[in-house]
Structure formats: C-alpha cells, structure tokens
C-alpha cells in the first residue's frame, strides 16, 4: 500500500503499490498515443480497429492481467484490473473502452474458469495476446439485446 500525502490533506491509504502506478503510467501512455488521437476519426467512420488495438494491448500484457500464466496471463492482483479500467475511462468515447472491457471481463472469464485445457489453448491464449477478439451476442425475438427480458432457457434432455 502507498500513503498519498501530495494533496496536503490527511494521508490517504490506497491499495495501489508503486507497481500499480507504473502500470497506470503505461496504460495511460498507450491510451494517449494509440487510442485518443484516433477516436474522432473512428467515431466518424462508426468503426474502431478492434483487432489492431487489442493486438497492441495484448503485446503489452494488458489483456491477461488476472488470467493464468499457463495461458499467457499475468495472475496479477485485482488492483491491476482496476487500474486498467480507470485508465480506459480516460478514452474520449464510450464504445472503445466498452469493447475492450467486453473482451477482458465478459468473454474470456467464463472460458478461463470453465473451459477445457484444449479450449483454453485454442481460444483463451490467442485472446489474451489480442490475436482473437472476444465478443458476446445476446438476442431473442421480442427481447432483442435486453438480457433481463430473455425468456429462452436451456434444459438437458
């Protein structure tokens, strides 16, 4: 833990270590160099280069923070993910950080937890490297993408 005394107020105890703050600087630099300068054009095109951005993030180790080392992750503590999400919040639009977050925190966790070794090698490892883009699809007649409104259920025979 780090004690923050820079604000001349009472000391603030934070869960972030110097390693977390170094990581924060890396993510912030990435956002400032690789994402924010392009957001306006991506918004005009109504498309962002997910494959390109995720490959760069994967090469920097940003996509596998909490995942097993065996599959290319870092097995880092939760605070690294918190730092990543805080810095993604600095992106000058909503769609890009949402797309990254869907990849890192909605698609890959179930695969990491419940997938067989073979599935993890085939899909999780390349996803953590940014070579595959994770996504979700949720729809049903009458519900669209309203997850709470979906009534379809799977039943074992």
Protein backbone atom coordinates (compact mmCIF):
# COMPACT_ATOMS: atom_id res chain seq x y z
CA UNK A 1 0.00 0.00 0.00
CA UNK A 2 1.02 3.56 -0.68
CA UNK A 3 0.25 6.55 1.50
CA UNK A 4 -0.69 9.59 -0.58
CA UNK A 5 0.33 12.84 1.09
CA UNK A 6 0.63 15.02 -2.03
CA UNK A 7 -2.69 16.77 -1.51
CA UNK A 8 -1.75 18.28 1.88
CA UNK A 9 -4.84 16.70 3.39
CA UNK A 10 -4.83 13.84 5.81
CA UNK A 11 -2.92 10.85 4.41
CA UNK A 12 -4.91 8.60 2.10
CA UNK A 13 -4.15 4.92 2.26
CA UNK A 14 -4.55 3.39 -1.17
CA UNK A 15 -4.36 -0.24 -2.30
CA UNK A 16 -2.17 0.79 -5.21
CA UNK A 17 1.52 -0.02 -4.98
CA UNK A 18 4.37 1.51 -6.94
CA UNK A 19 3.97 -1.38 -9.42
CA UNK A 20 0.34 -0.44 -9.93
CA UNK A 21 1.31 3.18 -10.53
CA UNK A 22 3.99 2.16 -13.05
CA UNK A 23 1.36 0.06 -14.81
CA UNK A 24 -1.02 3.04 -14.73
CA UNK A 25 1.59 5.18 -16.50
CA UNK A 26 1.98 2.51 -19.18
CA UNK A 27 -1.75 2.22 -19.80
CA UNK A 28 -2.20 6.00 -19.78
CA UNK A 29 0.62 6.42 -22.31
CA UNK A 30 -0.99 3.76 -24.51
CA UNK A 31 -4.40 5.45 -24.35
CA UNK A 32 -2.87 8.86 -25.06
CA UNK A 33 -0.78 7.62 -28.00
CA UNK A 34 -2.68 4.72 -29.56
CA UNK A 35 -6.34 5.48 -28.91
CA UNK A 36 -7.32 9.07 -28.11
CA UNK A 37 -5.67 10.66 -31.16
CA UNK A 38 -7.81 8.41 -33.38
CA UNK A 39 -11.17 8.49 -31.60
CA UNK A 40 -12.64 11.33 -33.65
CA UNK A 41 -11.89 9.53 -36.93
CA UNK A 42 -13.15 6.21 -35.58
CA UNK A 43 -16.36 7.86 -34.43
CA UNK A 44 -16.81 9.48 -37.87
CA UNK A 45 -16.27 6.08 -39.50
CA UNK A 46 -18.52 4.39 -36.91
CA UNK A 47 -15.83 1.73 -36.59
CA UNK A 48 -12.73 1.23 -34.46
CA UNK A 49 -9.92 -1.20 -35.36
CA UNK A 50 -10.53 -3.68 -32.55
CA UNK A 51 -8.10 -6.27 -33.89
CA UNK A 52 -5.27 -3.75 -34.20
CA UNK A 53 -5.87 -2.15 -30.79
CA UNK A 54 -6.26 -5.47 -28.99
CA UNK A 55 -3.11 -6.89 -30.61
CA UNK A 56 -1.14 -3.91 -29.33
CA UNK A 57 -2.70 -4.25 -25.89
CA UNK A 58 -2.00 -7.98 -25.86
CA UNK A 59 1.64 -7.41 -26.76
CA UNK A 60 1.90 -5.11 -23.72
CA UNK A 61 0.24 -7.66 -21.43
CA UNK A 62 -2.86 -5.54 -20.82
CA UNK A 63 -5.41 -8.24 -21.74
CA UNK A 64 -4.44 -11.10 -19.44
CA UNK A 65 -3.91 -9.40 -16.11
CA UNK A 66 -5.88 -11.81 -13.92
CA UNK A 67 -5.53 -14.92 -16.06
CA UNK A 68 -3.30 -17.97 -15.51
CA UNK A 69 0.31 -17.73 -16.63
CA UNK A 70 -0.11 -21.09 -18.39
CA UNK A 71 -2.35 -19.38 -20.96
CA UNK A 72 -0.43 -16.13 -21.30
CA UNK A 73 -1.85 -14.24 -18.35
CA UNK A 74 -0.06 -12.47 -15.53
CA UNK A 75 -2.01 -13.77 -12.50
CA UNK A 76 -1.88 -10.19 -11.22
CA UNK A 77 -4.00 -8.94 -8.34
CA UNK A 78 -7.38 -7.31 -8.91
CA UNK A 79 -5.95 -3.82 -8.47
CA UNK A 80 -4.15 -4.08 -11.81
CA UNK A 81 -7.53 -4.63 -13.46
CA UNK A 82 -8.93 -1.67 -11.53
CA UNK A 83 -6.07 0.49 -12.82
CA UNK A 84 -6.70 -0.71 -16.38
CA UNK A 85 -10.40 0.14 -16.14
CA UNK A 86 -9.69 3.55 -14.60
CA UNK A 87 -7.34 4.41 -17.43
CA UNK A 88 -9.70 3.08 -20.10
CA UNK A 89 -12.17 5.56 -18.63
CA UNK A 90 -9.92 8.31 -20.00
CA UNK A 91 -10.69 7.27 -23.59
CA UNK A 92 -12.61 10.04 -25.33
CA UNK A 93 -15.58 7.87 -26.28
CA UNK A 94 -17.64 5.06 -24.79
CA UNK A 95 -17.55 2.33 -27.41
CA UNK A 96 -13.84 1.56 -27.41
CA UNK A 97 -13.44 1.05 -23.65
CA UNK A 98 -16.67 -0.99 -23.66
CA UNK A 99 -15.33 -3.20 -26.45
CA UNK A 100 -12.06 -3.74 -24.61
CA UNK A 101 -13.91 -4.46 -21.36
CA UNK A 102 -16.24 -6.95 -23.04
CA UNK A 103 -13.15 -8.75 -24.33
CA UNK A 104 -11.29 -8.76 -20.99
CA UNK A 105 -14.11 -9.06 -18.48
CA UNK A 106 -17.14 -10.63 -20.14
CA UNK A 107 -15.95 -13.05 -22.83
CA UNK A 108 -12.77 -14.54 -21.51
CA UNK A 109 -13.56 -15.10 -17.80
CA UNK A 110 -16.02 -17.95 -18.40
CA UNK A 111 -13.61 -19.61 -20.80
CA UNK A 112 -10.80 -19.29 -18.25
CA UNK A 113 -12.94 -20.71 -15.46
CA UNK A 114 -14.94 -23.42 -17.21
CA UNK A 115 -13.17 -24.18 -20.48
CA UNK A 116 -11.22 -27.36 -21.05
CA UNK A 117 -7.46 -27.17 -21.44
CA UNK A 118 -7.89 -27.63 -25.19
CA UNK A 119 -10.40 -24.78 -25.47
CA UNK A 120 -8.21 -22.51 -23.38
CA UNK A 121 -5.21 -23.20 -25.60
CA UNK A 122 -7.26 -22.71 -28.75
CA UNK A 123 -9.17 -19.57 -27.73
CA UNK A 124 -8.03 -18.06 -24.43
CA UNK A 125 -4.32 -17.88 -25.19
CA UNK A 126 -4.79 -16.06 -28.51
CA UNK A 127 -7.44 -13.81 -26.95
CA UNK A 128 -5.01 -12.73 -24.23
CA UNK A 129 -2.45 -11.95 -26.93
CA UNK A 130 -5.07 -9.94 -28.82
CA UNK A 131 -4.97 -12.30 -31.78
CA UNK A 132 -8.66 -13.14 -31.34
CA UNK A 133 -11.33 -10.64 -30.40
CA UNK A 134 -13.86 -11.78 -27.83
CA UNK A 135 -17.44 -10.65 -28.14
CA UNK A 136 -20.86 -11.57 -26.92
CA UNK A 137 -24.13 -11.96 -28.74
CA UNK A 138 -27.43 -11.85 -26.94
CA UNK A 139 -30.73 -11.73 -28.74
CA UNK A 140 -34.17 -13.26 -28.78
CA UNK A 141 -37.35 -12.43 -30.69
CA UNK A 142 -39.25 -9.88 -28.63
CA UNK A 143 -36.30 -9.14 -26.34
CA UNK A 144 -33.53 -8.02 -28.69
CA UNK A 145 -30.46 -7.46 -26.55
CA UNK A 146 -32.44 -6.93 -23.34
CA UNK A 147 -30.77 -9.65 -21.27
CA UNK A 148 -33.28 -9.28 -18.44
CA UNK A 149 -36.15 -9.76 -20.89
CA UNK A 150 -34.93 -13.04 -22.37
CA UNK A 151 -37.16 -15.99 -21.55
CA UNK A 152 -35.45 -18.79 -23.50
CA UNK A 153 -33.95 -21.43 -21.24
CA UNK A 154 -31.75 -24.42 -21.95
CA UNK A 155 -32.86 -27.73 -20.50
CA UNK A 156 -30.98 -31.01 -20.52
CA UNK A 157 -32.73 -33.90 -22.25
